[in-house]
Amino acid sequence: MDLGGLRVGFAFCGSFCTMTKALDALEQTAARFGPVTPIVSETVASTDTRFGTAHDFMREMERLCDQRVIATVAGAEPIGPRGLLDVLAICPCTGNTLAKLAHGVTDTAVTMAAKAHLRNGRPLVLALATNDGLGASAPNLGTMLGRKNVYLVPFGQDDFAGKPTSLVADFSLLPAAIEAACRGEQLQPVLLGPARSEV
């Protein structure tokens, strides 16, 4: 399946401990499909953490994508009416963003991008990274698993002993999940054993 030139959006949420792996996934995605539109939540755009500064992270995204990052609700809104994307990936997708998507809350650049994109009936691919995926976020995950045009990057428990409710996608599978989603298919298996999920 030749998907070169696919118009991909890549949205980051604030699972800061997974940002390096998410940047690797962005680089793989851009190499596979061509130019990628970068999108970040306002939290990512403004928060410095022990994993790096917001400025450095944003500049690296822009270097990999060769375009400016969308970081506001107003900037994300045209994605829908202008039909700017063929597929949108949220990687990492936090429990907070998962809850907002499940309940129709649109108050960040990422949730606006998802809402605007889904109005066109095009695929949305979620790469989970949440410490309560088998806890408080479980009902929202169930909702999104059944939502039309929504696909999940295969995921598993990253530390079942130390964090028994934590779920993280295997970010290296994102390009394959995007390809499957563009065919209208969920990449299988959805559930991975601990050895396949990311830490």
Protein backbone atom coordinates (compact mmCIF):
# COMPACT_ATOMS: atom_id res chain seq x y z
CA MET A 1 0.00 0.00 0.00
CA ASP A 2 1.61 3.27 -1.12
CA LEU A 3 0.75 5.98 1.35
CA GLY A 4 3.60 8.34 0.54
CA GLY A 5 2.35 11.91 0.62
CA LEU A 6 -0.40 11.11 3.11
CA ARG A 7 -1.33 14.27 5.03
CA VAL A 8 -0.65 13.27 8.63
CA GLY A 9 -1.27 15.29 11.76
CA PHE A 10 0.77 14.36 14.82
CA ALA A 11 -0.50 15.67 18.16
CA PHE A 12 1.39 15.54 21.47
CA CYS A 13 -0.19 15.61 24.94
CA GLY A 14 1.54 15.99 28.29
CA SER A 15 2.83 12.53 29.11
CA PHE A 16 6.28 14.05 29.52
CA CYS A 17 8.11 10.83 30.40
CA THR A 18 7.22 9.42 26.96
CA MET A 19 8.16 12.51 24.91
CA THR A 20 11.50 11.16 23.66
CA LYS A 21 9.79 8.02 22.37
CA ALA A 22 7.02 10.14 20.89
CA LEU A 23 9.62 12.22 19.01
CA ASP A 24 11.11 8.98 17.67
CA ALA A 25 7.62 7.98 16.50
CA LEU A 26 7.21 11.37 14.84
CA GLU A 27 10.49 10.91 12.99
CA GLN A 28 9.45 7.43 11.83
CA THR A 29 6.06 8.73 10.75
CA ALA A 30 7.55 11.60 8.74
CA ALA A 31 10.04 9.22 7.10
CA ARG A 32 7.22 6.84 6.10
CA PHE A 33 4.51 9.23 4.96
CA GLY A 34 6.11 12.59 4.17
CA PRO A 35 5.34 16.01 5.66
CA VAL A 36 3.63 15.91 9.05
CA THR A 37 1.63 18.69 10.72
CA PRO A 38 2.72 19.02 14.39
CA ILE A 39 0.13 19.86 17.04
CA VAL A 40 0.61 20.22 20.81
CA SER A 41 -1.60 20.79 23.80
CA GLU A 42 -1.17 24.09 25.59
CA THR A 43 0.37 22.16 28.49
CA VAL A 44 3.11 20.77 26.25
CA ALA A 45 3.69 24.20 24.72
CA SER A 46 4.23 25.90 28.08
CA THR A 47 5.61 23.37 30.56
CA ASP A 48 9.29 22.76 31.34
CA THR A 49 9.96 19.46 33.11
CA ARG A 50 12.89 17.30 34.16
CA PHE A 51 12.56 15.68 30.73
CA GLY A 52 13.32 18.94 28.90
CA THR A 53 12.09 22.44 28.16
CA ALA A 54 8.97 23.27 26.19
CA HIS A 55 11.02 25.50 23.88
CA ASP A 56 13.51 22.78 22.99
CA PHE A 57 10.76 20.23 22.45
CA MET A 58 8.79 22.54 20.15
CA ARG A 59 11.89 23.43 18.13
CA GLU A 60 12.70 19.74 17.65
CA MET A 61 9.17 19.09 16.43
CA GLU A 62 9.47 21.95 13.95
CA ARG A 63 12.83 20.65 12.76
CA LEU A 64 11.42 17.18 12.12
CA CYS A 65 8.27 18.48 10.43
CA ASP A 66 9.70 21.58 8.73
CA GLN A 67 6.67 23.62 9.75
CA ARG A 68 5.36 25.58 12.72
CA VAL A 69 3.61 23.79 15.57
CA ILE A 70 -0.13 24.34 16.04
CA ALA A 71 -0.51 25.14 19.73
CA THR A 72 -3.87 26.92 20.10
CA VAL A 73 -7.54 26.06 19.71
CA ALA A 74 -7.88 28.78 17.08
CA GLY A 75 -4.94 27.35 15.15
CA ALA A 76 -6.42 23.84 15.18
CA GLU A 77 -9.99 24.75 14.21
CA PRO A 78 -9.37 25.11 10.43
CA ILE A 79 -8.26 21.45 10.23
CA GLY A 80 -11.90 20.46 9.80
CA PRO A 81 -13.44 22.98 7.40
CA ARG A 82 -10.32 23.05 5.21
CA GLY A 83 -9.91 19.26 5.26
CA LEU A 84 -6.21 19.64 6.03
CA LEU A 85 -5.44 16.09 7.21
CA ASP A 86 -6.01 12.56 5.91
CA VAL A 87 -5.24 11.02 9.30
CA LEU A 88 -4.52 12.40 12.77
CA ALA A 89 -2.43 10.62 15.41
CA ILE A 90 -2.36 11.61 19.08
CA CYS A 91 0.90 10.30 20.52
CA PRO A 92 1.07 10.28 23.47
CA CYS A 93 -2.65 10.35 24.30
CA THR A 94 -2.99 10.94 28.04
CA GLY A 95 -5.85 9.82 30.25
CA ASN A 96 -6.93 13.46 30.46
CA THR A 97 -7.19 13.81 26.68
CA LEU A 98 -8.84 10.38 26.40
CA ALA A 99 -11.53 11.55 28.84
CA LYS A 100 -12.11 14.75 26.91
CA LEU A 101 -12.43 12.88 23.62
CA ALA A 102 -14.84 10.37 25.15
CA HIS A 103 -17.07 13.14 26.52
CA GLY A 104 -16.86 15.68 23.70
CA VAL A 105 -14.81 18.28 25.59
CA THR A 106 -12.96 20.61 23.22
CA ASP A 107 -10.76 22.96 25.22
CA THR A 108 -7.21 22.33 23.93
CA ALA A 109 -5.49 22.51 20.57
CA VAL A 110 -5.33 18.69 20.49
CA THR A 111 -8.99 18.04 21.30
CA MET A 112 -10.03 20.74 18.82
CA ALA A 113 -7.82 19.14 16.16
CA ALA A 114 -9.46 15.76 16.85
CA LYS A 115 -12.99 17.17 16.77
CA ALA A 116 -12.32 19.17 13.60
CA HIS A 117 -10.69 16.17 11.91
CA LEU A 118 -13.38 13.64 12.87
CA ARG A 119 -16.11 15.82 11.39
CA ASN A 120 -14.69 14.83 8.00
CA GLY A 121 -15.06 11.11 8.74
CA ARG A 122 -11.31 10.50 8.61
CA PRO A 123 -9.27 8.25 10.93
CA LEU A 124 -8.01 9.26 14.35
CA VAL A 125 -5.23 7.09 15.81
CA LEU A 126 -4.59 7.12 19.57
CA ALA A 127 -1.33 6.01 21.21
CA LEU A 128 -2.13 5.70 24.92
CA ALA A 129 0.15 6.71 27.77
CA THR A 130 -1.78 6.83 31.02
CA ASN A 131 -1.14 5.58 34.55
CA ASP A 132 -4.85 4.88 35.13
CA GLY A 133 -5.79 3.10 31.90
CA LEU A 134 -7.09 0.14 33.93
CA GLY A 135 -8.47 2.45 36.62
CA ALA A 136 -10.41 5.70 36.28
CA SER A 137 -9.65 5.95 32.54
CA ALA A 138 -10.93 2.46 31.73
CA PRO A 139 -14.52 3.55 30.91
CA ASN A 140 -13.21 6.24 28.57
CA LEU A 141 -10.95 3.72 26.84
CA GLY A 142 -13.96 1.44 26.35
CA THR A 143 -15.92 4.32 24.85
CA MET A 144 -13.17 5.19 22.39
CA LEU A 145 -12.63 1.56 21.39
CA GLY A 146 -16.21 1.59 20.11
CA ARG A 147 -16.11 5.04 18.50
CA LYS A 148 -16.40 5.27 14.71
CA ASN A 149 -13.18 6.25 12.87
CA VAL A 150 -11.07 5.89 16.04
CA TYR A 151 -8.20 3.40 16.12
CA LEU A 152 -5.71 2.43 18.84
CA VAL A 153 -2.00 1.81 18.58
CA PRO A 154 -1.56 -1.61 20.25
CA PHE A 155 -0.93 -1.17 23.97
CA GLY A 156 -0.13 -3.08 27.14
CA GLN A 157 0.81 -2.75 30.79
CA ASP A 158 4.25 -1.17 30.98
CA ASP A 159 4.87 -2.06 34.65
CA PHE A 160 2.21 -4.44 35.97
CA ALA A 161 3.99 -4.87 39.31
CA GLY A 162 4.84 -1.24 40.09
CA LYS A 163 1.95 0.46 38.23
CA PRO A 164 -0.79 -2.14 37.83
CA THR A 165 -3.31 0.22 36.17
CA SER A 166 -0.84 1.86 33.74
CA LEU A 167 -1.20 1.38 29.98
CA VAL A 168 1.24 2.50 27.29
CA ALA A 169 1.13 1.97 23.54
CA ASP A 170 4.06 0.59 21.60
CA PHE A 171 4.91 3.83 19.83
CA SER A 172 7.08 1.99 17.27
CA LEU A 173 3.85 0.52 15.87
CA LEU A 174 2.37 3.95 15.09
CA PRO A 175 3.21 3.95 11.34
CA ALA A 176 1.67 0.48 10.96
CA ALA A 177 -1.39 1.58 12.95
CA ILE A 178 -1.77 4.62 10.68
CA GLU A 179 -1.61 2.43 7.58
CA ALA A 180 -4.23 0.06 8.99
CA ALA A 181 -6.49 2.95 10.02
CA CYS A 182 -6.34 4.39 6.51
CA ARG A 183 -7.66 1.03 5.29
CA GLY A 184 -10.43 1.23 7.89
CA GLU A 185 -8.82 -1.51 10.01
CA GLN A 186 -7.66 -1.77 13.61
CA LEU A 187 -4.07 -3.01 13.84
CA GLN A 188 -4.05 -6.33 15.67
CA PRO A 189 -3.51 -7.55 18.29
CA VAL A 190 -4.73 -4.51 20.22
CA LEU A 191 -3.53 -5.87 23.56
CA LEU A 192 0.17 -6.56 23.98
CA GLY A 193 1.99 -8.51 26.66
CA PRO A 194 4.36 -6.66 29.04
CA ALA A 195 7.40 -7.53 26.89
CA ARG A 196 5.95 -5.67 23.89
CA SER A 197 4.63 -2.55 25.61
CA GLU A 198 6.90 0.42 26.25
CA VAL A 199 8.21 1.58 29.62
